[in-house]
Amino acid sequence: MSLNFNRHFFIPDTQCKPGLTYDHLTAAGNYIVDKKPEVIIHAGDHWDMHSLSIYDKGTKKAEGARYQDDIEAGLEGMEALLKPIIAYNNKRKKYKEKQYKPRMVFTIGNHEERIMRHVNANPELFGKCSYDDFELDRFGWEVHDFLSPVYIDGIAYAHYFYNPNTGRPYAGTVHTKINNLGYSFTMGHVQGKDIGTKYLTNGRVIRGAVAGSFYEHDEGYKGYQGNNHWRGCLYKTEVKDGDYCLVELSLDYLKRDWL
């Protein structure tokens, strides 16, 4: 007897940049095709958009950075991620078999949002630079604006969650965030992995998950001691009313067993 539970595949920040390779994204795509979750959620920050970084403006790090190169790097990474799904569906279409069509949700991250901040600071660019450059519609993503949560099977997804009184991201551990929010959530933004569960006396379960790194490169601003963190994806089965069973998929595991 089917219990009609959904399965969610969560992809943390992928931070695509010019000059990188994306085998790990194809490995994740292969895993998705094998498991066929009903919902795929991308945390955002797929496009790094280094060319629009206000932190590096006027420094040596900004030399040679080009907007179009940033856009094309993200498109290359997205094609690598979705290549296994497209290949699977093309084969099924050839034999007139049912295709795999999951719900695909993309939550805009602060790196993608750099475009809107840049346009706001330079109004002459209005209509020339926008989220349309990501071509997310073409890839089949349902797009949710920066910090606009989307609720799926009792779980709130957003790039991150913030204190409404300050506008700043909630700090502290995942358990602190659970207490602040009071509902199940999953977010990216913060490198590494922090998982927490709170059991209430009424039988309700609140699940919190923070996972913000699914990329192979090191970030220079993290320094020598800051890049030793978990990288991977999260696969949730039996998702209902904010609760689920969790499978943690490290980047190394995906590359080793799913390429």
Protein backbone atom coordinates (compact mmCIF):
# COMPACT_ATOMS: atom_id res chain seq x y z
CA MET A 1 0.00 0.00 0.00
CA SER A 2 1.40 3.37 -1.01
CA LEU A 3 1.61 6.01 1.71
CA ASN A 4 1.96 8.81 -0.86
CA PHE A 5 5.01 10.38 0.76
CA ASN A 6 7.12 12.67 -1.37
CA ARG A 7 10.91 12.64 -1.64
CA HIS A 8 13.02 15.80 -1.79
CA PHE A 9 16.53 16.22 -3.21
CA PHE A 10 18.21 19.36 -1.84
CA ILE A 11 21.18 20.91 -3.64
CA PRO A 12 23.19 23.40 -1.54
CA ASP A 13 25.08 26.38 -2.98
CA THR A 14 27.05 25.33 -6.07
CA GLN A 15 29.01 28.59 -6.62
CA CYS A 16 29.84 28.10 -10.31
CA LYS A 17 32.78 30.20 -11.52
CA PRO A 18 34.74 30.47 -14.78
CA GLY A 19 37.43 27.82 -15.17
CA LEU A 20 35.89 25.17 -12.90
CA THR A 21 34.76 21.65 -13.77
CA TYR A 22 31.40 20.22 -12.80
CA ASP A 23 31.64 16.44 -12.68
CA HIS A 24 30.16 16.47 -9.18
CA LEU A 25 27.02 18.11 -10.54
CA THR A 26 26.63 15.40 -13.17
CA ALA A 27 27.10 12.81 -10.41
CA ALA A 28 24.25 14.42 -8.48
CA GLY A 29 22.15 14.33 -11.65
CA ASN A 30 22.85 10.61 -12.04
CA TYR A 31 21.73 10.01 -8.45
CA ILE A 32 18.57 12.01 -9.05
CA VAL A 33 17.70 9.96 -12.14
CA ASP A 34 18.21 6.72 -10.21
CA LYS A 35 16.09 7.74 -7.19
CA LYS A 36 13.58 9.98 -9.03
CA PRO A 37 12.55 12.24 -6.16
CA GLU A 38 9.29 14.08 -6.68
CA VAL A 39 10.86 17.44 -5.78
CA ILE A 40 14.31 18.92 -6.45
CA ILE A 41 15.23 22.08 -4.54
CA HIS A 42 18.29 24.21 -5.30
CA ALA A 43 19.32 26.54 -2.46
CA GLY A 44 20.59 29.23 -4.84
CA ASP A 45 24.06 30.77 -5.20
CA HIS A 46 24.53 28.58 -8.26
CA TRP A 47 25.99 31.60 -10.04
CA ASP A 48 28.86 33.06 -8.02
CA MET A 49 28.76 36.40 -9.91
CA HIS A 50 32.23 37.43 -8.77
CA SER A 51 32.25 40.25 -11.32
CA LEU A 52 29.56 42.04 -9.28
CA SER A 53 31.13 41.55 -5.85
CA ILE A 54 31.23 44.81 -3.91
CA TYR A 55 33.81 43.28 -1.58
CA ASP A 56 36.44 42.89 -4.32
CA LYS A 57 35.67 46.07 -6.26
CA GLY A 58 38.83 48.04 -6.86
CA THR A 59 41.13 45.21 -5.73
CA LYS A 60 43.43 42.87 -7.62
CA LYS A 61 40.87 40.06 -7.17
CA ALA A 62 38.47 41.94 -9.42
CA GLU A 63 40.87 42.16 -12.36
CA GLY A 64 39.62 40.27 -15.40
CA ALA A 65 36.21 39.47 -13.92
CA ARG A 66 33.50 39.64 -16.59
CA TYR A 67 29.73 39.50 -16.17
CA GLN A 68 29.15 37.30 -19.21
CA ASP A 69 31.83 34.85 -18.09
CA ASP A 70 30.04 34.47 -14.75
CA ILE A 71 26.72 33.86 -16.50
CA GLU A 72 28.20 31.25 -18.86
CA ALA A 73 29.93 29.42 -15.99
CA GLY A 74 26.59 28.98 -14.24
CA LEU A 75 24.91 27.84 -17.44
CA GLU A 76 27.66 25.25 -17.93
CA GLY A 77 27.17 24.01 -14.38
CA MET A 78 23.39 23.80 -14.80
CA GLU A 79 23.77 21.82 -18.01
CA ALA A 80 26.11 19.41 -16.21
CA LEU A 81 23.58 18.92 -13.40
CA LEU A 82 20.59 18.32 -15.67
CA LYS A 83 22.37 16.37 -18.41
CA PRO A 84 21.49 12.93 -16.92
CA ILE A 85 17.81 13.88 -16.59
CA ILE A 86 17.66 15.19 -20.16
CA ALA A 87 19.41 12.07 -21.49
CA TYR A 88 17.04 9.81 -19.54
CA ASN A 89 13.96 11.61 -20.85
CA ASN A 90 15.23 11.65 -24.43
CA LYS A 91 15.68 7.89 -24.29
CA ARG A 92 12.23 7.39 -22.77
CA LYS A 93 10.71 9.68 -25.39
CA LYS A 94 12.27 7.62 -28.16
CA TYR A 95 10.44 4.54 -26.91
CA LYS A 96 7.26 6.49 -26.01
CA GLU A 97 7.70 5.76 -22.31
CA LYS A 98 6.77 7.97 -19.37
CA GLN A 99 9.32 10.71 -18.71
CA TYR A 100 10.68 11.89 -15.37
CA LYS A 101 9.23 15.33 -14.61
CA PRO A 102 9.95 16.36 -11.01
CA ARG A 103 8.96 19.66 -9.49
CA MET A 104 12.14 21.76 -9.68
CA VAL A 105 12.42 24.69 -7.26
CA PHE A 106 15.19 27.30 -7.33
CA THR A 107 15.50 29.81 -4.48
CA ILE A 108 17.50 32.86 -5.54
CA GLY A 109 20.64 33.34 -3.43
CA ASN A 110 22.49 36.47 -2.39
CA HIS A 111 25.10 35.93 -5.11
CA GLU A 112 22.43 35.91 -7.84
CA GLU A 113 20.77 38.87 -6.13
CA ARG A 114 23.95 40.85 -6.80
CA ILE A 115 22.46 41.51 -10.23
CA MET A 116 19.49 43.39 -8.80
CA ARG A 117 21.68 45.37 -6.40
CA HIS A 118 23.96 46.30 -9.29
CA VAL A 119 21.04 47.39 -11.48
CA ASN A 120 19.59 49.40 -8.59
CA ALA A 121 22.93 51.20 -8.22
CA ASN A 122 23.21 51.68 -11.99
CA PRO A 123 19.68 52.35 -13.33
CA GLU A 124 20.95 52.66 -16.89
CA LEU A 125 21.36 48.85 -16.85
CA PHE A 126 17.65 48.23 -16.21
CA GLY A 127 16.42 45.76 -18.83
CA LYS A 128 19.98 44.79 -19.80
CA CYS A 129 20.96 42.72 -16.76
CA SER A 130 18.43 40.57 -14.91
CA TYR A 131 17.63 37.12 -13.59
CA ASP A 132 16.51 36.29 -17.14
CA ASP A 133 20.20 35.88 -17.99
CA PHE A 134 20.19 32.67 -15.90
CA GLU A 135 17.64 31.06 -18.28
CA LEU A 136 16.09 29.20 -15.34
CA ASP A 137 12.74 28.96 -17.12
CA ARG A 138 14.38 27.19 -20.04
CA PHE A 139 15.85 24.62 -17.69
CA GLY A 140 12.46 24.01 -16.08
CA TRP A 141 12.99 25.65 -12.69
CA GLU A 142 10.23 27.23 -10.64
CA VAL A 143 11.95 30.38 -9.37
CA HIS A 144 11.40 31.96 -5.94
CA ASP A 145 12.79 35.39 -5.22
CA PHE A 146 15.62 36.05 -2.79
CA LEU A 147 14.52 35.20 0.78
CA SER A 148 10.94 34.42 -0.27
CA PRO A 149 10.32 31.02 1.39
CA VAL A 150 8.59 28.21 -0.46
CA TYR A 151 6.71 25.65 1.63
CA ILE A 152 6.72 22.06 0.42
CA ASP A 153 5.28 19.17 2.43
CA GLY A 154 5.58 21.17 5.64
CA ILE A 155 9.19 22.31 5.06
CA ALA A 156 10.15 25.93 4.40
CA TYR A 157 12.94 26.35 1.86
CA ALA A 158 14.88 29.58 1.29
CA HIS A 159 18.48 30.58 0.71
CA TYR A 160 18.53 31.61 4.37
CA PHE A 161 16.16 32.83 7.08
CA TYR A 162 16.53 36.15 8.85
CA ASN A 163 15.46 38.08 11.91
CA PRO A 164 12.56 40.28 10.74
CA ASN A 165 13.56 43.00 13.21
CA THR A 166 17.09 43.38 11.88
CA GLY A 167 17.04 41.86 8.40
CA ARG A 168 20.17 39.91 9.32
CA PRO A 169 20.43 36.11 8.94
CA TYR A 170 19.69 34.19 12.11
CA ALA A 171 23.01 33.35 13.74
CA GLY A 172 23.94 30.39 15.92
CA THR A 173 23.46 26.66 15.53
CA VAL A 174 20.64 24.93 13.73
CA HIS A 175 18.95 24.37 17.10
CA THR A 176 18.91 28.12 17.69
CA LYS A 177 17.33 28.60 14.27
CA ILE A 178 14.72 25.93 15.03
CA ASN A 179 13.76 27.76 18.22
CA ASN A 180 13.65 31.11 16.44
CA LEU A 181 11.58 29.90 13.49
CA GLY A 182 9.34 27.30 15.13
CA TYR A 183 8.83 25.27 11.95
CA SER A 184 10.75 22.84 9.76
CA PHE A 185 13.17 24.50 7.38
CA THR A 186 16.09 23.81 5.08
CA MET A 187 18.50 26.48 3.89
CA GLY A 188 21.86 26.96 2.19
CA HIS A 189 24.18 29.97 2.49
CA VAL A 190 26.33 28.66 5.36
CA GLN A 191 29.17 26.31 4.39
CA GLY A 192 29.18 22.85 5.92
CA LYS A 193 26.26 20.92 7.39
CA ASP A 194 24.23 21.41 10.57
CA ILE A 195 21.23 19.15 11.18
CA GLY A 196 18.80 19.33 14.10
CA THR A 197 15.51 17.89 15.31
CA LYS A 198 13.06 19.07 17.95
CA TYR A 199 10.33 16.73 19.21
CA LEU A 200 7.27 18.45 20.66
CA THR A 201 4.96 16.92 23.26
CA ASN A 202 2.01 17.06 20.85
CA GLY A 203 3.75 14.61 18.53
CA ARG A 204 4.90 17.26 16.07
CA VAL A 205 8.48 17.17 14.82
CA ILE A 206 10.48 20.21 13.72
CA ARG A 207 13.44 19.50 11.44
CA GLY A 208 16.16 22.03 10.68
CA ALA A 209 18.87 21.61 8.05
CA VAL A 210 21.62 24.03 7.09
CA ALA A 211 23.80 22.96 4.16
CA GLY A 212 25.50 25.55 1.99
CA SER A 213 28.31 23.93 0.05
CA PHE A 214 28.24 21.62 -2.96
CA TYR A 215 31.40 22.58 -4.82
CA GLU A 216 34.98 21.31 -5.05
CA HIS A 217 36.98 24.53 -4.98
CA ASP A 218 38.15 26.40 -1.89
CA GLU A 219 37.03 29.96 -1.21
CA GLY A 220 39.94 32.35 -0.75
CA TYR A 221 38.14 34.51 1.80
CA LYS A 222 37.76 31.47 4.10
CA GLY A 223 41.53 31.23 4.50
CA TYR A 224 43.67 28.21 5.33
CA GLN A 225 41.50 27.04 8.22
CA GLY A 226 38.03 27.80 6.87
CA ASN A 227 37.65 25.45 3.90
CA ASN A 228 37.68 22.15 5.77
CA HIS A 229 33.91 21.71 5.84
CA TRP A 230 31.31 19.21 4.62
CA ARG A 231 30.24 19.40 0.98
CA GLY A 232 27.36 17.46 -0.51
CA CYS A 233 23.61 17.15 -1.03
CA LEU A 234 20.66 16.05 1.11
CA TYR A 235 18.10 13.42 0.08
CA LYS A 236 14.88 13.23 2.07
CA THR A 237 12.46 10.33 1.92
CA GLU A 238 9.01 9.93 3.51
CA VAL A 239 8.54 13.70 3.65
CA LYS A 240 5.31 14.67 5.38
CA ASP A 241 4.25 17.52 7.66
CA GLY A 242 7.83 18.76 8.00
CA ASP A 243 9.33 15.42 9.01
CA TYR A 244 11.39 13.00 6.91
CA CYS A 245 14.13 10.40 6.83
CA LEU A 246 17.46 11.91 5.82
CA VAL A 247 20.27 10.59 3.64
CA GLU A 248 23.45 12.68 3.63
CA LEU A 249 25.33 12.48 0.33
CA SER A 250 28.90 13.73 0.46
CA LEU A 251 30.46 15.20 -2.66
CA ASP A 252 33.17 12.53 -2.54
CA TYR A 253 30.58 9.75 -2.38
CA LEU A 254 28.63 11.15 -5.31
CA LYS A 255 31.74 11.45 -7.46
CA ARG A 256 33.05 8.03 -6.47
CA ASP A 257 29.82 6.03 -6.94
CA TRP A 258 27.63 8.04 -9.34
CA LEU A 259 29.83 9.23 -12.23
